[in-house]
């Protein structure tokens, strides 16, 4: 499965967003995903399995709990694919940064 196939599912993307903030137990992931998507534990477990099998997530046992963490390795494939497209937004973001800085300078000199 290609990285974009894995990331194409909104549940898997949301799980990765959660894991980007902190390592979580499978129970914590199930609780959040169930509340947000209205799916049950078996469906969430299936999505976690896809993430593990394709290298996006790691799991480690701690007693009876399973702790999930993000593995950023597959994101390199996504990053590489995005490289030729960055030119479309980098210049715009640089211009926005310039305007924000000008606004801050202007605001501080008027005080």
PDB file of N, CA and C in Angstrom:
ATOM      1  N   UNK A   1       0.851  -1.174   0.000  1.00  0.00           N
ATOM      2  CA  UNK A   1       0.000   0.000   0.000  1.00  0.00           C
ATOM      3  C   UNK A   1       0.897   1.237   0.000  1.00  0.00           C
ATOM      4  N   UNK A   2       0.609   2.166  -0.857  1.00  0.00           N
ATOM      5  CA  UNK A   2       1.349   3.422  -0.976  1.00  0.00           C
ATOM      6  C   UNK A   2       1.008   4.326   0.209  1.00  0.00           C
ATOM      7  N   UNK A   3       1.914   5.198   0.578  1.00  0.00           N
ATOM      8  CA  UNK A   3       1.694   6.105   1.715  1.00  0.00           C
ATOM      9  C   UNK A   3       0.398   6.891   1.573  1.00  0.00           C
ATOM     10  N   UNK A   4       0.096   7.335   0.353  1.00  0.00           N
ATOM     11  CA  UNK A   4      -1.133   8.111   0.164  1.00  0.00           C
ATOM     12  C   UNK A   4      -2.382   7.253   0.298  1.00  0.00           C
ATOM     13  N   UNK A   5      -2.268   5.966   0.028  1.00  0.00           N
ATOM     14  CA  UNK A   5      -3.395   5.064   0.265  1.00  0.00           C
ATOM     15  C   UNK A   5      -3.670   4.970   1.763  1.00  0.00           C
ATOM     16  N   UNK A   6      -2.610   4.886   2.540  1.00  0.00           N
ATOM     17  CA  UNK A   6      -2.755   4.840   4.001  1.00  0.00           C
ATOM     18  C   UNK A   6      -3.350   6.148   4.509  1.00  0.00           C
ATOM     19  N   UNK A   7      -2.824   7.262   4.013  1.00  0.00           N
ATOM     20  CA  UNK A   7      -3.271   8.576   4.472  1.00  0.00           C
ATOM     21  C   UNK A   7      -4.616   8.993   3.887  1.00  0.00           C
ATOM     22  N   UNK A   8      -5.109   8.249   2.919  1.00  0.00           N
ATOM     23  CA  UNK A   8      -6.379   8.585   2.286  1.00  0.00           C
ATOM     24  C   UNK A   8      -7.583   8.371   3.182  1.00  0.00           C
ATOM     25  N   UNK A   9      -7.415   7.619   4.228  1.00  0.00           N
ATOM     26  CA  UNK A   9      -8.528   7.347   5.127  1.00  0.00           C
ATOM     27  C   UNK A   9      -8.570   8.389   6.243  1.00  0.00           C
ATOM     28  N   UNK A  10      -9.708   9.049   6.443  1.00  0.00           N
ATOM     29  CA  UNK A  10      -9.775  10.100   7.467  1.00  0.00           C
ATOM     30  C   UNK A  10      -9.554   9.595   8.892  1.00  0.00           C
ATOM     31  N   UNK A  11      -9.945   8.370   9.170  1.00  0.00           N
ATOM     32  CA  UNK A  11      -9.720   7.814  10.513  1.00  0.00           C
ATOM     33  C   UNK A  11      -8.226   7.638  10.751  1.00  0.00           C
ATOM     34  N   UNK A  12      -7.523   7.090   9.773  1.00  0.00           N
ATOM     35  CA  UNK A  12      -6.073   6.906   9.944  1.00  0.00           C
ATOM     36  C   UNK A  12      -5.357   8.243  10.050  1.00  0.00           C
ATOM     37  N   UNK A  13      -5.791   9.223   9.250  1.00  0.00           N
ATOM     38  CA  UNK A  13      -5.170  10.554   9.364  1.00  0.00           C
ATOM     39  C   UNK A  13      -5.389  11.119  10.759  1.00  0.00           C
ATOM     40  N   UNK A  14      -6.591  10.965  11.296  1.00  0.00           N
ATOM     41  CA  UNK A  14      -6.885  11.500  12.631  1.00  0.00           C
ATOM     42  C   UNK A  14      -6.055  10.790  13.695  1.00  0.00           C
ATOM     43  N   UNK A  15      -5.901   9.494  13.561  1.00  0.00           N
ATOM     44  CA  UNK A  15      -5.064   8.760  14.523  1.00  0.00           C
ATOM     45  C   UNK A  15      -3.647   9.300  14.484  1.00  0.00           C
ATOM     46  N   UNK A  16      -3.115   9.528  13.293  1.00  0.00           N
ATOM     47  CA  UNK A  16      -1.763  10.079  13.189  1.00  0.00           C
ATOM     48  C   UNK A  16      -1.684  11.482  13.786  1.00  0.00           C
ATOM     49  N   UNK A  17      -2.719  12.288  13.609  1.00  0.00           N
ATOM     50  CA  UNK A  17      -2.742  13.619  14.239  1.00  0.00           C
ATOM     51  C   UNK A  17      -2.666  13.487  15.752  1.00  0.00           C
ATOM     52  N   UNK A  18      -3.413  12.546  16.302  1.00  0.00           N
ATOM     53  CA  UNK A  18      -3.387  12.326  17.752  1.00  0.00           C
ATOM     54  C   UNK A  18      -2.002  11.888  18.208  1.00  0.00           C
ATOM     55  N   UNK A  19      -1.404  10.964  17.459  1.00  0.00           N
ATOM     56  CA  UNK A  19      -0.089  10.446  17.839  1.00  0.00           C
ATOM     57  C   UNK A  19       1.015  11.465  17.629  1.00  0.00           C
ATOM     58  N   UNK A  20       0.789  12.432  16.760  1.00  0.00           N
ATOM     59  CA  UNK A  20       1.795  13.487  16.558  1.00  0.00           C
ATOM     60  C   UNK A  20       1.920  14.345  17.809  1.00  0.00           C
ATOM     61  N   UNK A  21       0.848  14.415  18.594  1.00  0.00           N
ATOM     62  CA  UNK A  21       0.873  15.201  19.829  1.00  0.00           C
ATOM     63  C   UNK A  21       1.487  14.442  20.989  1.00  0.00           C
ATOM     64  N   UNK A  22       1.239  13.127  21.057  1.00  0.00           N
ATOM     65  CA  UNK A  22       1.722  12.357  22.202  1.00  0.00           C
ATOM     66  C   UNK A  22       1.502  10.867  21.956  1.00  0.00           C
ATOM     67  N   UNK A  23       2.277  10.031  22.612  1.00  0.00           N
ATOM     68  CA  UNK A  23       2.024   8.595  22.597  1.00  0.00           C
ATOM     69  C   UNK A  23       0.716   8.347  23.343  1.00  0.00           C
ATOM     70  N   UNK A  24      -0.064   7.388  22.860  1.00  0.00           N
ATOM     71  CA  UNK A  24      -1.365   7.112  23.462  1.00  0.00           C
ATOM     72  C   UNK A  24      -1.584   5.614  23.591  1.00  0.00           C
ATOM     73  N   UNK A  25      -2.387   5.244  24.574  1.00  0.00           N
ATOM     74  CA  UNK A  25      -2.787   3.848  24.686  1.00  0.00           C
ATOM     75  C   UNK A  25      -3.838   3.561  23.618  1.00  0.00           C
ATOM     76  N   UNK A  26      -3.987   2.288  23.300  1.00  0.00           N
ATOM     77  CA  UNK A  26      -5.009   1.923  22.327  1.00  0.00           C
ATOM     78  C   UNK A  26      -6.389   2.348  22.833  1.00  0.00           C
ATOM     79  N   UNK A  27      -6.602   2.263  24.136  1.00  0.00           N
ATOM     80  CA  UNK A  27      -7.882   2.677  24.712  1.00  0.00           C
ATOM     81  C   UNK A  27      -8.157   4.162  24.523  1.00  0.00           C
ATOM     82  N   UNK A  28      -7.138   4.978  24.686  1.00  0.00           N
ATOM     83  CA  UNK A  28      -7.301   6.421  24.481  1.00  0.00           C
ATOM     84  C   UNK A  28      -7.619   6.728  23.017  1.00  0.00           C
ATOM     85  N   UNK A  29      -6.957   6.020  22.122  1.00  0.00           N
ATOM     86  CA  UNK A  29      -7.212   6.220  20.695  1.00  0.00           C
ATOM     87  C   UNK A  29      -8.635   5.801  20.361  1.00  0.00           C
ATOM     88  N   UNK A  30      -9.032   4.630  20.839  1.00  0.00           N
ATOM     89  CA  UNK A  30     -10.391   4.131  20.583  1.00  0.00           C
ATOM     90  C   UNK A  30     -11.424   5.115  21.123  1.00  0.00           C
ATOM     91  N   UNK A  31     -11.208   5.622  22.316  1.00  0.00           N
ATOM     92  CA  UNK A  31     -12.165   6.554  22.925  1.00  0.00           C
ATOM     93  C   UNK A  31     -12.352   7.802  22.052  1.00  0.00           C
ATOM     94  N   UNK A  32     -11.258   8.400  21.623  1.00  0.00           N
ATOM     95  CA  UNK A  32     -11.328   9.612  20.807  1.00  0.00           C
ATOM     96  C   UNK A  32     -11.934   9.331  19.440  1.00  0.00           C
ATOM     97  N   UNK A  33     -11.440   8.298  18.780  1.00  0.00           N
ATOM     98  CA  UNK A  33     -11.909   7.988  17.426  1.00  0.00           C
ATOM     99  C   UNK A  33     -13.375   7.561  17.443  1.00  0.00           C
ATOM    100  N   UNK A  34     -13.758   6.786  18.433  1.00  0.00           N
ATOM    101  CA  UNK A  34     -15.162   6.372  18.541  1.00  0.00           C
ATOM    102  C   UNK A  34     -16.078   7.574  18.708  1.00  0.00           C
ATOM    103  N   UNK A  35     -15.650   8.515  19.530  1.00  0.00           N
ATOM    104  CA  UNK A  35     -16.464   9.715  19.757  1.00  0.00           C
ATOM    105  C   UNK A  35     -16.552  10.579  18.502  1.00  0.00           C
ATOM    106  N   UNK A  36     -15.455  10.697  17.781  1.00  0.00           N
ATOM    107  CA  UNK A  36     -15.420  11.581  16.617  1.00  0.00           C
ATOM    108  C   UNK A  36     -16.023  10.962  15.361  1.00  0.00           C
ATOM    109  N   UNK A  37     -15.858   9.644  15.188  1.00  0.00           N
ATOM    110  CA  UNK A  37     -16.282   8.999  13.947  1.00  0.00           C
ATOM    111  C   UNK A  37     -17.454   8.035  14.134  1.00  0.00           C
ATOM    112  N   UNK A  38     -17.810   7.767  15.384  1.00  0.00           N
ATOM    113  CA  UNK A  38     -18.928   6.866  15.636  1.00  0.00           C
ATOM    114  C   UNK A  38     -18.650   5.418  15.254  1.00  0.00           C
ATOM    115  N   UNK A  39     -17.394   5.000  15.342  1.00  0.00           N
ATOM    116  CA  UNK A  39     -17.050   3.609  15.046  1.00  0.00           C
ATOM    117  C   UNK A  39     -16.601   2.927  16.327  1.00  0.00           C
ATOM    118  N   UNK A  40     -16.697   1.610  16.336  1.00  0.00           N
ATOM    119  CA  UNK A  40     -16.385   0.834  17.542  1.00  0.00           C
ATOM    120  C   UNK A  40     -14.937   0.360  17.552  1.00  0.00           C
ATOM    121  N   UNK A  41     -14.558  -0.212  18.675  1.00  0.00           N
ATOM    122  CA  UNK A  41     -13.192  -0.657  18.918  1.00  0.00           C
ATOM    123  C   UNK A  41     -12.643  -1.556  17.820  1.00  0.00           C
ATOM    124  N   UNK A  42     -13.374  -2.561  17.317  1.00  0.00           N
ATOM    125  CA  UNK A  42     -12.787  -3.411  16.273  1.00  0.00           C
ATOM    126  C   UNK A  42     -12.392  -2.636  15.011  1.00  0.00           C
ATOM    127  N   UNK A  43     -13.188  -1.655  14.637  1.00  0.00           N
ATOM    128  CA  UNK A  43     -12.874  -0.855  13.447  1.00  0.00           C
ATOM    129  C   UNK A  43     -11.650   0.019  13.687  1.00  0.00           C
ATOM    130  N   UNK A  44     -11.528   0.570  14.890  1.00  0.00           N
ATOM    131  CA  UNK A  44     -10.358   1.386  15.227  1.00  0.00           C
ATOM    132  C   UNK A  44      -9.119   0.498  15.253  1.00  0.00           C
ATOM    133  N   UNK A  45      -9.242  -0.683  15.828  1.00  0.00           N
ATOM    134  CA  UNK A  45      -8.118  -1.617  15.873  1.00  0.00           C
ATOM    135  C   UNK A  45      -7.648  -1.982  14.472  1.00  0.00           C
ATOM    136  N   UNK A  46      -8.582  -2.131  13.545  1.00  0.00           N
ATOM    137  CA  UNK A  46      -8.221  -2.436  12.169  1.00  0.00           C
ATOM    138  C   UNK A  46      -7.400  -1.295  11.567  1.00  0.00           C
ATOM    139  N   UNK A  47      -7.790  -0.062  11.853  1.00  0.00           N
ATOM    140  CA  UNK A  47      -7.049   1.093  11.327  1.00  0.00           C
ATOM    141  C   UNK A  47      -5.666   1.183  11.971  1.00  0.00           C
ATOM    142  N   UNK A  48      -5.570   0.894  13.247  1.00  0.00           N
ATOM    143  CA  UNK A  48      -4.268   0.873  13.928  1.00  0.00           C
ATOM    144  C   UNK A  48      -3.365  -0.202  13.316  1.00  0.00           C
ATOM    145  N   UNK A  49      -3.938  -1.338  12.976  1.00  0.00           N
ATOM    146  CA  UNK A  49      -3.174  -2.422  12.353  1.00  0.00           C
ATOM    147  C   UNK A  49      -2.613  -1.968  11.008  1.00  0.00           C
ATOM    148  N   UNK A  50      -3.418  -1.277  10.213  1.00  0.00           N
ATOM    149  CA  UNK A  50      -2.945  -0.778   8.914  1.00  0.00           C
ATOM    150  C   UNK A  50      -1.774   0.181   9.129  1.00  0.00           C
ATOM    151  N   UNK A  51      -1.912   1.078  10.107  1.00  0.00           N
ATOM    152  CA  UNK A  51      -0.833   2.035  10.393  1.00  0.00           C
ATOM    153  C   UNK A  51       0.436   1.325  10.834  1.00  0.00           C
ATOM    154  N   UNK A  52       0.292   0.312  11.671  1.00  0.00           N
ATOM    155  CA  UNK A  52       1.466  -0.473  12.120  1.00  0.00           C
ATOM    156  C   UNK A  52       2.107  -1.219  10.957  1.00  0.00           C
ATOM    157  N   UNK A  53       1.305  -1.910  10.189  1.00  0.00           N
ATOM    158  CA  UNK A  53       1.834  -2.752   9.113  1.00  0.00           C
ATOM    159  C   UNK A  53       2.526  -1.945   8.019  1.00  0.00           C
ATOM    160  N   UNK A  54       2.160  -0.683   7.875  1.00  0.00           N
ATOM    161  CA  UNK A  54       2.756   0.146   6.834  1.00  0.00           C
ATOM    162  C   UNK A  54       3.760   1.143   7.405  1.00  0.00           C
ATOM    163  N   UNK A  55       4.132   0.940   8.670  1.00  0.00           N
ATOM    164  CA  UNK A  55       5.225   1.685   9.261  1.00  0.00           C
ATOM    165  C   UNK A  55       4.906   3.073   9.769  1.00  0.00           C
ATOM    166  N   UNK A  56       3.641   3.459   9.817  1.00  0.00           N
ATOM    167  CA  UNK A  56       3.277   4.792  10.291  1.00  0.00           C
ATOM    168  C   UNK A  56       3.183   4.865  11.812  1.00  0.00           C
ATOM    169  N   UNK A  57       2.984   3.728  12.452  1.00  0.00           N
ATOM    170  CA  UNK A  57       2.835   3.707  13.911  1.00  0.00           C
ATOM    171  C   UNK A  57       3.606   2.535  14.491  1.00  0.00           C
ATOM    172  N   UNK A  58       4.073   2.745  15.703  1.00  0.00           N
ATOM    173  CA  UNK A  58       4.742   1.699  16.479  1.00  0.00           C
ATOM    174  C   UNK A  58       3.874   1.400  17.688  1.00  0.00           C
ATOM    175  N   UNK A  59       3.974   0.192  18.185  1.00  0.00           N
ATOM    176  CA  UNK A  59       3.257  -0.175  19.402  1.00  0.00           C
ATOM    177  C   UNK A  59       4.221  -0.892  20.327  1.00  0.00           C
ATOM    178  N   UNK A  60       4.102  -0.585  21.605  1.00  0.00           N
ATOM    179  CA  UNK A  60       4.923  -1.279  22.595  1.00  0.00           C
ATOM    180  C   UNK A  60       4.035  -1.656  23.776  1.00  0.00           C
ATOM    181  N   UNK A  61       4.207  -2.870  24.267  1.00  0.00           N
ATOM    182  CA  UNK A  61       3.412  -3.292  25.416  1.00  0.00           C
ATOM    183  C   UNK A  61       3.967  -2.704  26.711  1.00  0.00           C
ATOM    184  N   UNK A  62       3.085  -2.250  27.546  1.00  0.00           N
ATOM    185  CA  UNK A  62       3.435  -1.792  28.894  1.00  0.00           C
ATOM    186  C   UNK A  62       2.410  -2.445  29.815  1.00  0.00           C
ATOM    187  N   UNK A  63       2.811  -3.552  30.404  1.00  0.00           N
ATOM    188  CA  UNK A  63       1.858  -4.334  31.193  1.00  0.00           C
ATOM    189  C   UNK A  63       0.790  -4.884  30.258  1.00  0.00           C
ATOM    190  N   UNK A  64      -0.459  -4.612  30.590  1.00  0.00           N
ATOM    191  CA  UNK A  64      -1.569  -5.083  29.753  1.00  0.00           C
ATOM    192  C   UNK A  64      -1.977  -4.053  28.707  1.00  0.00           C
ATOM    193  N   UNK A  65      -1.353  -2.896  28.753  1.00  0.00           N
ATOM    194  CA  UNK A  65      -1.705  -1.827  27.803  1.00  0.00           C
ATOM    195  C   UNK A  65      -0.792  -1.860  26.595  1.00  0.00           C
ATOM    196  N   UNK A  66      -1.275  -1.298  25.503  1.00  0.00           N
ATOM    197  CA  UNK A  66      -0.499  -1.131  24.284  1.00  0.00           C
ATOM    198  C   UNK A  66      -0.360   0.361  24.036  1.00  0.00           C
ATOM    199  N   UNK A  67       0.884   0.820  23.978  1.00  0.00           N
ATOM    200  CA  UNK A  67       1.154   2.242  23.770  1.00  0.00           C
ATOM    201  C   UNK A  67       1.551   2.452  22.314  1.00  0.00           C
ATOM    202  N   UNK A  68       0.849   3.349  21.651  1.00  0.00           N
ATOM    203  CA  UNK A  68       1.129   3.654  20.250  1.00  0.00           C
ATOM    204  C   UNK A  68       1.903   4.959  20.141  1.00  0.00           C
ATOM    205  N   UNK A  69       2.822   4.983  19.186  1.00  0.00           N
ATOM    206  CA  UNK A  69       3.574   6.197  18.874  1.00  0.00           C
ATOM    207  C   UNK A  69       3.675   6.304  17.356  1.00  0.00           C
ATOM    208  N   UNK A  70       3.916   7.512  16.911  1.00  0.00           N
ATOM    209  CA  UNK A  70       4.025   7.742  15.471  1.00  0.00           C
ATOM    210  C   UNK A  70       5.425   7.369  14.999  1.00  0.00           C
ATOM    211  N   UNK A  71       5.501   6.847  13.802  1.00  0.00           N
ATOM    212  CA  UNK A  71       6.782   6.587  13.153  1.00  0.00           C
ATOM    213  C   UNK A  71       6.809   7.475  11.924  1.00  0.00           C
ATOM    214  N   UNK A  72       7.711   8.419  11.893  1.00  0.00           N
ATOM    215  CA  UNK A  72       7.722   9.412  10.810  1.00  0.00           C
ATOM    216  C   UNK A  72       8.416   8.925   9.540  1.00  0.00           C
ATOM    217  N   UNK A  73       8.982   7.748   9.566  1.00  0.00           N
ATOM    218  CA  UNK A  73       9.685   7.225   8.393  1.00  0.00           C
ATOM    219  C   UNK A  73       8.881   7.293   7.103  1.00  0.00           C
ATOM    220  N   UNK A  74       7.654   6.770   7.072  1.00  0.00           N
ATOM    221  CA  UNK A  74       6.881   6.813   5.835  1.00  0.00           C
ATOM    222  C   UNK A  74       6.512   8.227   5.388  1.00  0.00           C
ATOM    223  N   UNK A  75       6.566   9.164   6.283  1.00  0.00           N
ATOM    224  CA  UNK A  75       6.263  10.545   5.911  1.00  0.00           C
ATOM    225  C   UNK A  75       7.328  11.091   4.957  1.00  0.00           C
ATOM    226  N   UNK A  76       8.505  10.490   4.953  1.00  0.00           N
ATOM    227  CA  UNK A  76       9.555  10.913   4.022  1.00  0.00           C
ATOM    228  C   UNK A  76       9.104  10.698   2.581  1.00  0.00           C
ATOM    229  N   UNK A  77       8.368   9.618   2.347  1.00  0.00           N
ATOM    230  CA  UNK A  77       7.830   9.354   1.012  1.00  0.00           C
ATOM    231  C   UNK A  77       6.849  10.458   0.605  1.00  0.00           C
ATOM    232  N   UNK A  78       6.015  10.860   1.543  1.00  0.00           N
ATOM    233  CA  UNK A  78       5.051  11.937   1.289  1.00  0.00           C
ATOM    234  C   UNK A  78       5.798  13.248   1.054  1.00  0.00           C
ATOM    235  N   UNK A  79       6.778  13.503   1.901  1.00  0.00           N
ATOM    236  CA  UNK A  79       7.568  14.733   1.776  1.00  0.00           C
ATOM    237  C   UNK A  79       8.274  14.796   0.423  1.00  0.00           C
ATOM    238  N   UNK A  80       8.835  13.690   0.004  1.00  0.00           N
ATOM    239  CA  UNK A  80       9.525  13.652  -1.289  1.00  0.00           C
ATOM    240  C   UNK A  80       8.554  13.910  -2.436  1.00  0.00           C
ATOM    241  N   UNK A  81       7.375  13.355  -2.340  1.00  0.00           N
ATOM    242  CA  UNK A  81       6.389  13.558  -3.394  1.00  0.00           C
ATOM    243  C   UNK A  81       5.951  15.021  -3.460  1.00  0.00           C
ATOM    244  N   UNK A  82       5.868  15.677  -2.303  1.00  0.00           N
ATOM    245  CA  UNK A  82       5.418  17.075  -2.245  1.00  0.00           C
ATOM    246  C   UNK A  82       6.477  18.070  -2.714  1.00  0.00           C
ATOM    247  N   UNK A  83       7.739  17.669  -2.757  1.00  0.00           N
ATOM    248  CA  UNK A  83       8.834  18.580  -3.075  1.00  0.00           C
ATOM    249  C   UNK A  83       8.589  19.433  -4.316  1.00  0.00           C
ATOM    250  N   UNK A  84       8.204  18.874  -5.452  1.00  0.00           N
ATOM    251  CA  UNK A  84       8.023  19.728  -6.632  1.00  0.00           C
ATOM    252  C   UNK A  84       6.852  20.705  -6.516  1.00  0.00           C
ATOM    253  N   UNK A  85       5.960  20.470  -5.563  1.00  0.00           N
ATOM    254  CA  UNK A  85       4.781  21.317  -5.413  1.00  0.00           C
ATOM    255  C   UNK A  85       4.986  22.459  -4.423  1.00  0.00           C
ATOM    256  N   UNK A  86       6.053  22.380  -3.640  1.00  0.00           N
ATOM    257  CA  UNK A  86       6.294  23.406  -2.620  1.00  0.00           C
ATOM    258  C   UNK A  86       6.406  24.801  -3.212  1.00  0.00           C
ATOM    259  N   UNK A  87       6.878  24.903  -4.432  1.00  0.00           N
ATOM    260  CA  UNK A  87       7.041  26.213  -5.055  1.00  0.00           C
ATOM    261  C   UNK A  87       5.711  26.955  -5.165  1.00  0.00           C
ATOM    262  N   UNK A  88       4.607  26.223  -5.145  1.00  0.00           N
ATOM    263  CA  UNK A  88       3.298  26.856  -5.259  1.00  0.00           C
ATOM    264  C   UNK A  88       2.878  27.588  -3.987  1.00  0.00           C
ATOM    265  N   UNK A  89       3.385  27.141  -2.849  1.00  0.00           N
ATOM    266  CA  UNK A  89       2.979  27.811  -1.618  1.00  0.00           C
ATOM    267  C   UNK A  89       4.114  28.479  -0.859  1.00  0.00           C
ATOM    268  N   UNK A  90       5.344  28.102  -1.083  1.00  0.00           N
ATOM    269  CA  UNK A  90       6.458  28.683  -0.336  1.00  0.00           C
ATOM    270  C   UNK A  90       6.548  30.191  -0.545  1.00  0.00           C
ATOM    271  N   UNK A  91       6.455  30.633  -1.775  1.00  0.00           N
ATOM    272  CA  UNK A  91       6.536  32.066  -2.058  1.00  0.00           C
ATOM    273  C   UNK A  91       5.392  32.818  -1.377  1.00  0.00           C
ATOM    274  N   UNK A  92       4.206  32.243  -1.398  1.00  0.00           N
ATOM    275  CA  UNK A  92       3.056  32.887  -0.759  1.00  0.00           C
ATOM    276  C   UNK A  92       3.234  32.967   0.763  1.00  0.00           C
ATOM    277  N   UNK A  93       3.768  31.926   1.341  1.00  0.00           N
ATOM    278  CA  UNK A  93       4.003  31.936   2.785  1.00  0.00           C
ATOM    279  C   UNK A  93       5.094  32.932   3.157  1.00  0.00           C
ATOM    280  N   UNK A  94       6.121  33.035   2.327  1.00  0.00           N
ATOM    281  CA  UNK A  94       7.175  34.027   2.572  1.00  0.00           C
ATOM    282  C   UNK A  94       6.606  35.440   2.495  1.00  0.00           C
ATOM    283  N   UNK A  95       5.731  35.681   1.525  1.00  0.00           N
ATOM    284  CA  UNK A  95       5.107  37.002   1.386  1.00  0.00           C
ATOM    285  C   UNK A  95       4.212  37.298   2.586  1.00  0.00           C
ATOM    286  N   UNK A  96       3.483  36.299   3.053  1.00  0.00           N
ATOM    287  CA  UNK A  96       2.638  36.482   4.235  1.00  0.00           C
ATOM    288  C   UNK A  96       3.491  36.818   5.452  1.00  0.00           C
ATOM    289  N   UNK A  97       4.594  36.122   5.613  1.00  0.00           N
ATOM    290  CA  UNK A  97       5.505  36.398   6.720  1.00  0.00           C
ATOM    291  C   UNK A  97       6.008  37.844   6.662  1.00  0.00           C
ATOM    292  N   UNK A  98       6.350  38.301   5.471  1.00  0.00           N
ATOM    293  CA  UNK A  98       6.818  39.688   5.302  1.00  0.00           C
ATOM    294  C   UNK A  98       5.730  40.670   5.716  1.00  0.00           C
ATOM    295  N   UNK A  99       4.509  40.435   5.288  1.00  0.00           N
ATOM    296  CA  UNK A  99       3.404  41.333   5.631  1.00  0.00           C
ATOM    297  C   UNK A  99       3.114  41.328   7.129  1.00  0.00           C
ATOM    298  N   UNK A 100       3.210  40.180   7.741  1.00  0.00           N
ATOM    299  CA  UNK A 100       2.999  40.092   9.196  1.00  0.00           C
ATOM    300  C   UNK A 100       4.078  40.878   9.926  1.00  0.00           C
ATOM    301  N   UNK A 101       5.318  40.727   9.503  1.00  0.00           N
ATOM    302  CA  UNK A 101       6.412  41.473  10.133  1.00  0.00           C
ATOM    303  C   UNK A 101       6.234  42.975   9.936  1.00  0.00           C
ATOM    304  N   UNK A 102       5.822  43.392   8.757  1.00  0.00           N
ATOM    305  CA  UNK A 102       5.575  44.816   8.511  1.00  0.00           C
ATOM    306  C   UNK A 102       4.475  45.334   9.427  1.00  0.00           C
ATOM    307  N   UNK A 103       3.437  44.540   9.577  1.00  0.00           N
ATOM    308  CA  UNK A 103       2.332  44.926  10.455  1.00  0.00           C
ATOM    309  C   UNK A 103       2.768  45.067  11.899  1.00  0.00           C
ATOM    310  N   UNK A 104       3.619  44.178  12.347  1.00  0.00           N
ATOM    311  CA  UNK A 104       4.117  44.248  13.725  1.00  0.00           C
ATOM    312  C   UNK A 104       4.968  45.495  13.924  1.00  0.00           C
ATOM    313  N   UNK A 105       5.838  45.780  12.942  1.00  0.00           N
ATOM    314  CA  UNK A 105       6.688  46.970  13.051  1.00  0.00           C
ATOM    315  C   UNK A 105       5.829  48.244  13.026  1.00  0.00           C
ATOM    316  N   UNK A 106       4.886  48.274  12.144  1.00  0.00           N
ATOM    317  CA  UNK A 106       4.008  49.441  12.022  1.00  0.00           C
ATOM    318  C   UNK A 106       3.204  49.659  13.302  1.00  0.00           C
ATOM    319  N   UNK A 107       2.681  48.561  13.842  1.00  0.00           N
ATOM    320  CA  UNK A 107       1.904  48.645  15.076  1.00  0.00           C
ATOM    321  C   UNK A 107       2.730  49.089  16.260  1.00  0.00           C
ATOM    322  N   UNK A 108       3.984  48.680  16.331  1.00  0.00           N
ATOM    323  CA  UNK A 108       4.838  49.050  17.473  1.00  0.00           C
ATOM    324  C   UNK A 108       5.315  50.485  17.379  1.00  0.00           C
ATOM    325  N   UNK A 109       5.406  51.050  16.174  1.00  0.00           N
ATOM    326  CA  UNK A 109       5.856  52.439  16.046  1.00  0.00           C
ATOM    327  C   UNK A 109       4.722  53.438  16.262  1.00  0.00           C
ATOM    328  N   UNK A 110       3.473  52.971  16.174  1.00  0.00           N
ATOM    329  CA  UNK A 110       2.342  53.852  16.383  1.00  0.00           C
ATOM    330  C   UNK A 110       1.956  53.980  17.846  1.00  0.00           C
ATOM    331  N   UNK A 111       2.467  53.123  18.688  1.00  0.00           N
ATOM    332  CA  UNK A 111       2.110  53.134  20.124  1.00  0.00           C
ATOM    333  C   UNK A 111       2.729  54.292  20.847  1.00  0.00           C
TER     334      UNK A 111
END
